[in-house]
């Protein structure tokens, strides 16, 4: 599901080859058990793969990389990481972060994350990302970005996109919960068929004419009951594909929040410029539109001299000029952000539609195949009964 069209993927093969459990001390000197993942990169030299370079990284380092990409490329929908803790799982699956099955699914998800970034036309060219793949020590250059603000004139396109992202998150979450419930019930139904196998086998022991038929039918039931483990393991693969887009919705919301921040800074710059122009007008005309400490001071202690007024006007003119430049810069920044962000949003939409369509079709095909196998099992059992 990852297109290998970027220059990076044409010259380098990227894999997360294996996972390993380790024990060590954390930042507060406490003993902890954690998992590390082996990143294997293999450069192509003259069309021939070279000897692979390898390094180990923890999940937390992948988180740092993604945070860096979010901050550095706020206009891009950065691919999500696989889940840190097991969610939306049916009862037979372990929620333990160190469970081998969960670690293996996370390994596949981390490799997919690296391939998603490496296939992105912009992110694939980032130097820090390249160093993450090839150097043990990397300057993460992370920043924290949080802002509490409300823009006066929000862009309707980003507002609609944020709403769609919220709704998509809700729908996928509900879909994953339904799948987990269905998997639970399906597992029970299949395993109960093992009781048919046991009863038919026991029955066959007391029959002469019917014995062989009952024994064969019991064998088919046992095979049917045992097949559910492989079926649900395959199902989990499709669930992970849906989870990827559940986490993608957070990346989309991050782009929307960054646009709100830029829009807010532009509005604040416009507001500040308008305030300075009002100050200049009041100083030039000697009229005060609103109550101010300076206006009250002038009334109490007399008007300032002509020289003082001219000095203040000159300072305001300079400040207004700087404010106009700031507004122009913020306006340009906002327009450029919208342009680049929307290009990536359109690219993401195409990718999302393609990936989710493929995942849902594959899931439907798997369900059809599962039903056909069930029909085949009972058809075989029918033939066994006919031969009795």
Protein backbone atom coordinates (compact mmCIF):
# COMPACT_ATOMS: atom_id res chain seq x y z
CA UNK A 1 0.00 0.00 0.00
CA UNK A 2 3.08 2.25 -0.13
CA UNK A 3 4.20 3.76 -3.42
CA UNK A 4 7.97 3.53 -3.94
CA UNK A 5 8.31 6.57 -6.20
CA UNK A 6 10.60 8.93 -4.30
CA UNK A 7 14.33 9.36 -4.85
CA UNK A 8 15.05 7.96 -1.39
CA UNK A 9 13.24 4.66 -2.01
CA UNK A 10 14.84 4.36 -5.43
CA UNK A 11 18.31 4.41 -3.87
CA UNK A 12 17.59 2.74 -0.51
CA UNK A 13 15.63 -0.22 0.80
CA UNK A 14 14.16 0.27 4.30
CA UNK A 15 13.00 -2.48 6.65
CA UNK A 16 12.24 -2.90 10.33
CA UNK A 17 13.68 -6.39 10.35
CA UNK A 18 13.05 -7.61 13.89
CA UNK A 19 12.14 -6.72 17.47
CA UNK A 20 14.01 -7.56 20.66
CA UNK A 21 13.04 -7.37 24.32
CA UNK A 22 15.60 -5.65 26.57
CA UNK A 23 15.94 -4.65 30.22
CA UNK A 24 17.62 -1.49 31.49
CA UNK A 25 17.28 1.59 33.70
CA UNK A 26 15.09 4.50 32.71
CA UNK A 27 15.57 8.24 33.32
CA UNK A 28 14.63 7.92 37.00
CA UNK A 29 17.04 5.02 37.50
CA UNK A 30 14.25 2.43 37.70
CA UNK A 31 14.57 -1.01 36.10
CA UNK A 32 12.25 -1.45 33.12
CA UNK A 33 11.63 -3.92 30.30
CA UNK A 34 11.13 -2.49 26.81
CA UNK A 35 11.25 -3.43 23.15
CA UNK A 36 13.73 -2.20 20.54
CA UNK A 37 13.35 -2.50 16.77
CA UNK A 38 16.09 -3.19 14.23
CA UNK A 39 16.06 -0.71 11.34
CA UNK A 40 17.82 -2.18 8.33
CA UNK A 41 18.74 0.03 5.36
CA UNK A 42 20.32 -1.22 2.18
CA UNK A 43 21.63 1.22 -0.44
CA UNK A 44 21.63 0.35 -4.12
CA UNK A 45 25.02 0.70 -5.80
CA UNK A 46 24.89 0.30 -9.56
CA UNK A 47 21.54 -1.44 -9.22
CA UNK A 48 22.95 -4.02 -6.80
CA UNK A 49 21.94 -3.94 -3.09
CA UNK A 50 24.91 -3.23 -0.82
CA UNK A 51 25.56 -4.76 2.60
CA UNK A 52 22.76 -3.54 4.94
CA UNK A 53 23.36 -0.96 7.69
CA UNK A 54 21.51 -1.64 10.92
CA UNK A 55 20.63 0.18 14.14
CA UNK A 56 18.21 -0.36 17.03
CA UNK A 57 15.56 2.16 18.04
CA UNK A 58 12.87 2.25 20.72
CA UNK A 59 9.26 3.17 20.03
CA UNK A 60 9.81 6.45 21.93
CA UNK A 61 12.46 7.44 19.37
CA UNK A 62 9.93 6.94 16.58
CA UNK A 63 7.62 9.24 18.57
CA UNK A 64 10.35 11.88 18.72
CA UNK A 65 10.89 11.62 14.97
CA UNK A 66 7.20 12.06 14.26
CA UNK A 67 6.97 15.02 16.64
CA UNK A 68 9.91 16.63 14.85
CA UNK A 69 8.20 16.11 11.48
CA UNK A 70 4.93 17.57 12.82
CA UNK A 71 6.68 20.72 14.05
CA UNK A 72 8.96 21.12 11.03
CA UNK A 73 6.29 20.45 8.40
CA UNK A 74 3.06 21.79 9.91
CA UNK A 75 1.35 21.93 6.50
CA UNK A 76 1.86 18.22 5.85
CA UNK A 77 -0.31 15.32 7.03
CA UNK A 78 2.44 13.33 8.73
CA UNK A 79 1.89 9.54 8.66
CA UNK A 80 0.84 8.07 12.03
CA UNK A 81 2.65 5.54 14.18
CA UNK A 82 1.10 2.20 15.14
CA UNK A 83 -0.63 2.17 18.50
CA UNK A 84 1.54 2.38 21.61
CA UNK A 85 -0.83 0.17 23.59
CA UNK A 86 -3.16 -2.50 22.28
CA UNK A 87 -6.66 -1.10 21.64
CA UNK A 88 -9.83 -2.42 19.98
CA UNK A 89 -8.71 -6.02 20.53
CA UNK A 90 -10.98 -9.05 20.88
CA UNK A 91 -10.69 -10.99 24.12
CA UNK A 92 -8.26 -13.69 22.94
CA UNK A 93 -5.60 -11.13 22.01
CA UNK A 94 -3.31 -9.90 24.74
CA UNK A 95 -3.24 -6.18 25.62
CA UNK A 96 0.30 -6.60 27.00
CA UNK A 97 2.75 -4.27 25.20
CA UNK A 98 5.41 -6.99 25.37
CA UNK A 99 3.16 -9.72 23.97
CA UNK A 100 4.95 -11.26 20.92
CA UNK A 101 1.92 -10.94 18.64
CA UNK A 102 1.41 -7.28 19.57
CA UNK A 103 5.14 -6.54 19.17
CA UNK A 104 5.12 -8.16 15.73
CA UNK A 105 2.10 -6.10 14.62
CA UNK A 106 3.81 -2.97 15.92
CA UNK A 107 7.02 -3.91 14.05
CA UNK A 108 5.03 -4.11 10.81
CA UNK A 109 3.35 -0.78 11.65
CA UNK A 110 6.69 0.95 12.34
CA UNK A 111 8.09 -0.30 9.05
CA UNK A 112 4.98 0.98 7.29
CA UNK A 113 5.46 4.37 9.01
CA UNK A 114 9.05 4.64 7.75
CA UNK A 115 7.99 3.64 4.24
CA UNK A 116 5.13 6.16 4.30
CA UNK A 117 7.56 8.95 5.24
CA UNK A 118 10.17 7.74 2.73
CA UNK A 119 7.56 7.72 -0.05
CA UNK A 120 6.33 11.26 0.72
CA UNK A 121 7.58 13.82 -1.84
CA UNK A 122 8.64 16.30 0.88
CA UNK A 123 9.29 14.32 4.05
CA UNK A 124 11.55 11.85 2.23
CA UNK A 125 14.09 14.64 1.63
CA UNK A 126 14.42 15.61 5.30
CA UNK A 127 18.00 15.28 6.61
CA UNK A 128 16.93 14.37 10.15
CA UNK A 129 14.77 11.55 8.81
CA UNK A 130 17.73 10.23 6.81
CA UNK A 131 19.96 10.42 9.90
CA UNK A 132 17.27 8.62 11.91
CA UNK A 133 17.65 5.71 9.49
CA UNK A 134 21.44 5.73 9.38
CA UNK A 135 22.94 7.37 12.50
CA UNK A 136 22.61 6.18 16.10
CA UNK A 137 22.75 9.72 17.58
CA UNK A 138 20.35 12.24 16.08
CA UNK A 139 19.65 15.82 17.10
CA UNK A 140 15.87 15.66 17.32
CA UNK A 141 15.43 19.46 17.43
CA UNK A 142 12.02 19.04 18.90
CA UNK A 143 9.91 22.01 19.88
CA UNK A 144 6.69 22.11 21.80
CA UNK A 145 3.79 23.93 20.21
CA UNK A 146 0.66 24.80 22.10
CA UNK A 147 -1.57 27.80 21.73
CA UNK A 148 -4.88 28.75 23.24
CA UNK A 149 -6.60 31.04 20.80
CA UNK A 150 -9.75 31.56 18.79
CA UNK A 151 -9.55 33.03 15.31
CA UNK A 152 -12.15 35.58 14.25
CA UNK A 153 -12.32 34.55 10.58
CA UNK A 154 -11.56 30.84 10.33
CA UNK A 155 -10.99 29.34 6.88
CA UNK A 156 -14.14 27.36 6.07
CA UNK A 157 -12.13 24.71 4.20
CA UNK A 158 -9.99 23.91 7.26
CA UNK A 159 -13.02 24.04 9.55
CA UNK A 160 -14.79 21.51 7.31
CA UNK A 161 -11.64 19.38 7.13
CA UNK A 162 -11.31 19.32 10.93
CA UNK A 163 -14.97 18.36 11.28
CA UNK A 164 -14.53 15.59 8.69
CA UNK A 165 -11.44 14.35 10.54
CA UNK A 166 -13.38 14.21 13.82
CA UNK A 167 -16.24 12.33 12.15
CA UNK A 168 -13.86 9.91 10.39
CA UNK A 169 -12.17 9.22 13.75
CA UNK A 170 -15.56 8.42 15.29
CA UNK A 171 -16.65 6.17 12.41
CA UNK A 172 -13.41 4.17 12.31
CA UNK A 173 -13.44 3.80 16.11
CA UNK A 174 -16.99 2.43 15.95
CA UNK A 175 -16.07 0.12 13.09
CA UNK A 176 -13.12 -1.29 15.04
CA UNK A 177 -15.29 -1.84 18.12
CA UNK A 178 -17.91 -3.68 16.06
CA UNK A 179 -15.20 -5.83 14.45
CA UNK A 180 -13.78 -6.73 17.88
CA UNK A 181 -17.25 -7.76 19.13
CA UNK A 182 -17.94 -9.80 15.99
CA UNK A 183 -14.51 -11.47 16.31
CA UNK A 184 -15.32 -12.44 19.90
CA UNK A 185 -18.60 -14.07 18.91
CA UNK A 186 -17.16 -15.66 15.79
CA UNK A 187 -14.36 -17.19 17.82
CA UNK A 188 -16.90 -18.72 20.17
CA UNK A 189 -19.04 -20.09 17.34
CA UNK A 190 -16.09 -21.73 15.61
CA UNK A 191 -14.69 -23.24 18.80
CA UNK A 192 -18.10 -24.64 19.77
CA UNK A 193 -18.00 -26.60 16.50
CA UNK A 194 -15.18 -28.55 18.12
CA UNK A 195 -17.90 -30.05 20.35
CA UNK A 196 -19.53 -31.51 17.22
CA UNK A 197 -16.20 -33.14 16.42
CA UNK A 198 -15.91 -34.62 19.92
CA UNK A 199 -19.52 -35.91 19.97
CA UNK A 200 -19.28 -37.42 16.47
CA UNK A 201 -16.01 -39.14 17.39
CA UNK A 202 -17.49 -40.57 20.60
CA UNK A 203 -20.63 -41.64 18.74
CA UNK A 204 -18.57 -43.36 16.03
CA UNK A 205 -17.02 -45.62 18.68
CA UNK A 206 -20.38 -47.29 19.40
CA UNK A 207 -21.52 -47.67 15.79
CA UNK A 208 -20.51 -50.25 13.19
CA UNK A 209 -22.30 -49.20 10.02
CA UNK A 210 -22.25 -45.46 10.76
CA UNK A 211 -18.88 -45.33 12.51
CA UNK A 212 -16.65 -44.31 9.60
CA UNK A 213 -19.03 -41.57 8.43
CA UNK A 214 -19.37 -40.10 11.91
CA UNK A 215 -15.61 -40.22 12.45
CA UNK A 216 -14.99 -38.37 9.16
CA UNK A 217 -17.65 -35.78 9.93
CA UNK A 218 -16.07 -35.21 13.34
CA UNK A 219 -12.70 -34.66 11.68
CA UNK A 220 -14.19 -31.97 9.42
CA UNK A 221 -15.73 -30.25 12.45
CA UNK A 222 -12.38 -30.28 14.29
CA UNK A 223 -10.66 -28.75 11.25
CA UNK A 224 -13.35 -26.08 11.03
CA UNK A 225 -13.00 -25.20 14.75
CA UNK A 226 -9.20 -24.91 14.50
CA UNK A 227 -9.30 -22.64 11.41
CA UNK A 228 -10.61 -19.59 13.33
CA UNK A 229 -7.19 -18.75 14.78
CA UNK A 230 -5.64 -18.15 11.34
CA UNK A 231 -8.78 -16.34 10.16
CA UNK A 232 -8.75 -13.85 13.04
CA UNK A 233 -5.00 -13.36 12.71
CA UNK A 234 -5.60 -12.30 9.10
CA UNK A 235 -8.48 -10.10 10.25
CA UNK A 236 -6.14 -8.33 12.65
CA UNK A 237 -4.03 -7.26 9.68
CA UNK A 238 -7.02 -5.43 8.16
CA UNK A 239 -7.85 -3.93 11.55
CA UNK A 240 -4.32 -2.50 11.72
CA UNK A 241 -4.86 -0.83 8.34
CA UNK A 242 -7.99 0.85 9.70
CA UNK A 243 -6.13 1.86 12.87
CA UNK A 244 -3.51 3.59 10.73
CA UNK A 245 -6.18 5.95 9.41
CA UNK A 246 -7.66 6.33 12.87
CA UNK A 247 -4.28 7.81 13.86
CA UNK A 248 -4.04 9.74 10.59
CA UNK A 249 -7.04 11.80 11.73
CA UNK A 250 -4.84 13.27 14.50
CA UNK A 251 -2.28 14.30 11.88
CA UNK A 252 -5.01 16.04 9.86
CA UNK A 253 -6.19 17.89 12.97
CA UNK A 254 -2.59 19.01 13.63
CA UNK A 255 -2.49 20.67 10.20
CA UNK A 256 -5.79 22.41 10.96
CA UNK A 257 -4.48 23.61 14.35
CA UNK A 258 -1.32 24.99 12.75
CA UNK A 259 -3.42 26.92 10.23
CA UNK A 260 -5.48 28.34 13.09
CA UNK A 261 -2.26 29.49 14.78
CA UNK A 262 -0.98 31.22 11.63
CA UNK A 263 -4.41 32.80 11.04
CA UNK A 264 -4.48 33.96 14.66
CA UNK A 265 -1.02 35.55 14.35
CA UNK A 266 -2.16 37.35 11.17
CA UNK A 267 -5.28 38.68 12.88
CA UNK A 268 -3.24 39.85 15.89
CA UNK A 269 -0.81 41.64 13.54
CA UNK A 270 -3.73 43.36 11.74
CA UNK A 271 -5.28 44.32 15.08
CA UNK A 272 -1.97 45.71 16.36
CA UNK A 273 -1.49 47.74 13.16
CA UNK A 274 -5.00 49.19 13.41
CA UNK A 275 -4.30 50.19 17.02
CA UNK A 276 -1.08 51.99 16.03
CA UNK A 277 -2.85 53.86 13.22
CA UNK A 278 -5.54 54.93 15.68
CA UNK A 279 -2.84 56.19 18.06
CA UNK A 280 -1.30 58.24 15.24
CA UNK A 281 -4.66 59.73 14.28
CA UNK A 282 -5.40 60.68 17.88
CA UNK A 283 -1.96 62.25 18.27
CA UNK A 284 -2.23 64.17 15.00
CA UNK A 285 -5.73 65.52 15.65
CA UNK A 286 -5.55 65.80 19.42
CA UNK A 287 -8.77 63.79 19.82
CA UNK A 288 -9.03 60.65 21.94
CA UNK A 289 -11.70 58.14 20.91
CA UNK A 290 -11.45 55.95 23.96
CA UNK A 291 -10.33 56.41 27.55
CA UNK A 292 -6.55 56.10 27.95
CA UNK A 293 -3.99 56.83 30.64
CA UNK A 294 -2.09 59.09 28.25
CA UNK A 295 -5.22 61.11 27.51
CA UNK A 296 -5.95 61.58 31.21
CA UNK A 297 -2.32 62.53 31.87
CA UNK A 298 -2.48 65.22 29.15
CA UNK A 299 -5.57 66.73 30.75
CA UNK A 300 -4.02 66.76 34.21
CA UNK A 301 -0.53 67.97 33.35
CA UNK A 302 -1.04 69.84 30.09
CA UNK A 303 -0.40 69.06 26.45
CA UNK A 304 3.02 67.85 25.31
CA UNK A 305 5.22 70.20 23.26
CA UNK A 306 5.25 70.29 19.44
CA UNK A 307 8.71 68.71 19.46
CA UNK A 308 7.54 65.87 21.69
CA UNK A 309 4.51 65.30 19.47
CA UNK A 310 6.59 65.20 16.30
CA UNK A 311 9.00 62.77 17.93
CA UNK A 312 6.15 60.48 18.92
CA UNK A 313 4.60 60.75 15.44
CA UNK A 314 7.91 59.77 13.87
CA UNK A 315 8.18 56.79 16.21
CA UNK A 316 4.59 55.77 15.40
CA UNK A 317 5.26 56.10 11.66
CA UNK A 318 8.23 53.75 12.05
CA UNK A 319 6.17 51.36 14.14
CA UNK A 320 3.30 51.47 11.60
CA UNK A 321 5.71 50.72 8.76
CA UNK A 322 7.07 47.74 10.67
CA UNK A 323 3.51 46.63 11.45
CA UNK A 324 2.54 46.81 7.76
CA UNK A 325 5.57 44.70 6.88
CA UNK A 326 4.61 42.19 9.57
CA UNK A 327 1.05 42.00 8.23
CA UNK A 328 2.38 41.44 4.71
CA UNK A 329 4.74 38.71 5.96
CA UNK A 330 2.00 36.99 7.97
CA UNK A 331 -0.41 37.25 5.06
CA UNK A 332 2.16 35.72 2.70
CA UNK A 333 2.94 33.00 5.26
CA UNK A 334 -0.76 32.20 5.63
CA UNK A 335 -1.35 32.02 1.87
CA UNK A 336 1.75 29.86 1.37
CA UNK A 337 0.68 27.55 4.20
CA UNK A 338 -2.79 27.15 2.68
CA UNK A 339 -1.30 26.42 -0.75
CA UNK A 340 1.23 23.83 0.41
CA UNK A 341 -1.09 22.29 3.00
CA UNK A 342 -3.92 21.90 0.53
CA UNK A 343 -1.63 20.24 -1.98
CA UNK A 344 -0.71 17.66 0.65
CA UNK A 345 -4.31 17.31 1.79
CA UNK A 346 -5.38 16.49 -1.78
CA UNK A 347 -2.54 13.94 -2.02
CA UNK A 348 -3.63 12.45 1.30
CA UNK A 349 -7.27 12.21 0.21
CA UNK A 350 -6.29 10.21 -2.87
CA UNK A 351 -4.09 7.92 -0.77
CA UNK A 352 -6.82 7.50 1.89
CA UNK A 353 -9.54 6.64 -0.62
CA UNK A 354 -7.29 4.12 -2.37
CA UNK A 355 -6.01 2.46 0.82
CA UNK A 356 -9.35 2.22 2.61
CA UNK A 357 -11.11 0.96 -0.52
CA UNK A 358 -8.46 -1.77 -0.92
CA UNK A 359 -8.63 -2.69 2.79
CA UNK A 360 -12.44 -2.92 2.83
CA UNK A 361 -12.57 -4.94 -0.40
CA UNK A 362 -9.90 -7.32 0.91
CA UNK A 363 -11.80 -7.65 4.18
CA UNK A 364 -15.02 -8.44 2.32
CA UNK A 365 -13.22 -11.03 0.17
CA UNK A 366 -11.82 -12.63 3.31
CA UNK A 367 -15.31 -12.81 4.87
CA UNK A 368 -16.73 -14.37 1.68
CA UNK A 369 -13.89 -16.91 1.66
CA UNK A 370 -14.54 -17.71 5.32
CA UNK A 371 -18.25 -18.31 4.64
CA UNK A 372 -17.42 -20.53 1.65
CA UNK A 373 -15.12 -22.62 3.85
CA UNK A 374 -17.95 -23.02 6.35
CA UNK A 375 -20.30 -24.16 3.58
CA UNK A 376 -17.63 -26.55 2.32
CA UNK A 377 -17.16 -28.08 5.78
CA UNK A 378 -20.89 -28.78 6.15
CA UNK A 379 -21.06 -30.04 2.56
CA UNK A 380 -18.28 -32.50 3.38
CA UNK A 381 -20.09 -33.50 6.57
CA UNK A 382 -23.26 -34.07 4.50
CA UNK A 383 -21.35 -36.38 2.17
CA UNK A 384 -20.07 -38.30 5.19
CA UNK A 385 -23.63 -38.71 6.47
CA UNK A 386 -24.80 -39.85 3.01
CA UNK A 387 -22.22 -42.65 3.02
CA UNK A 388 -23.34 -44.04 6.36
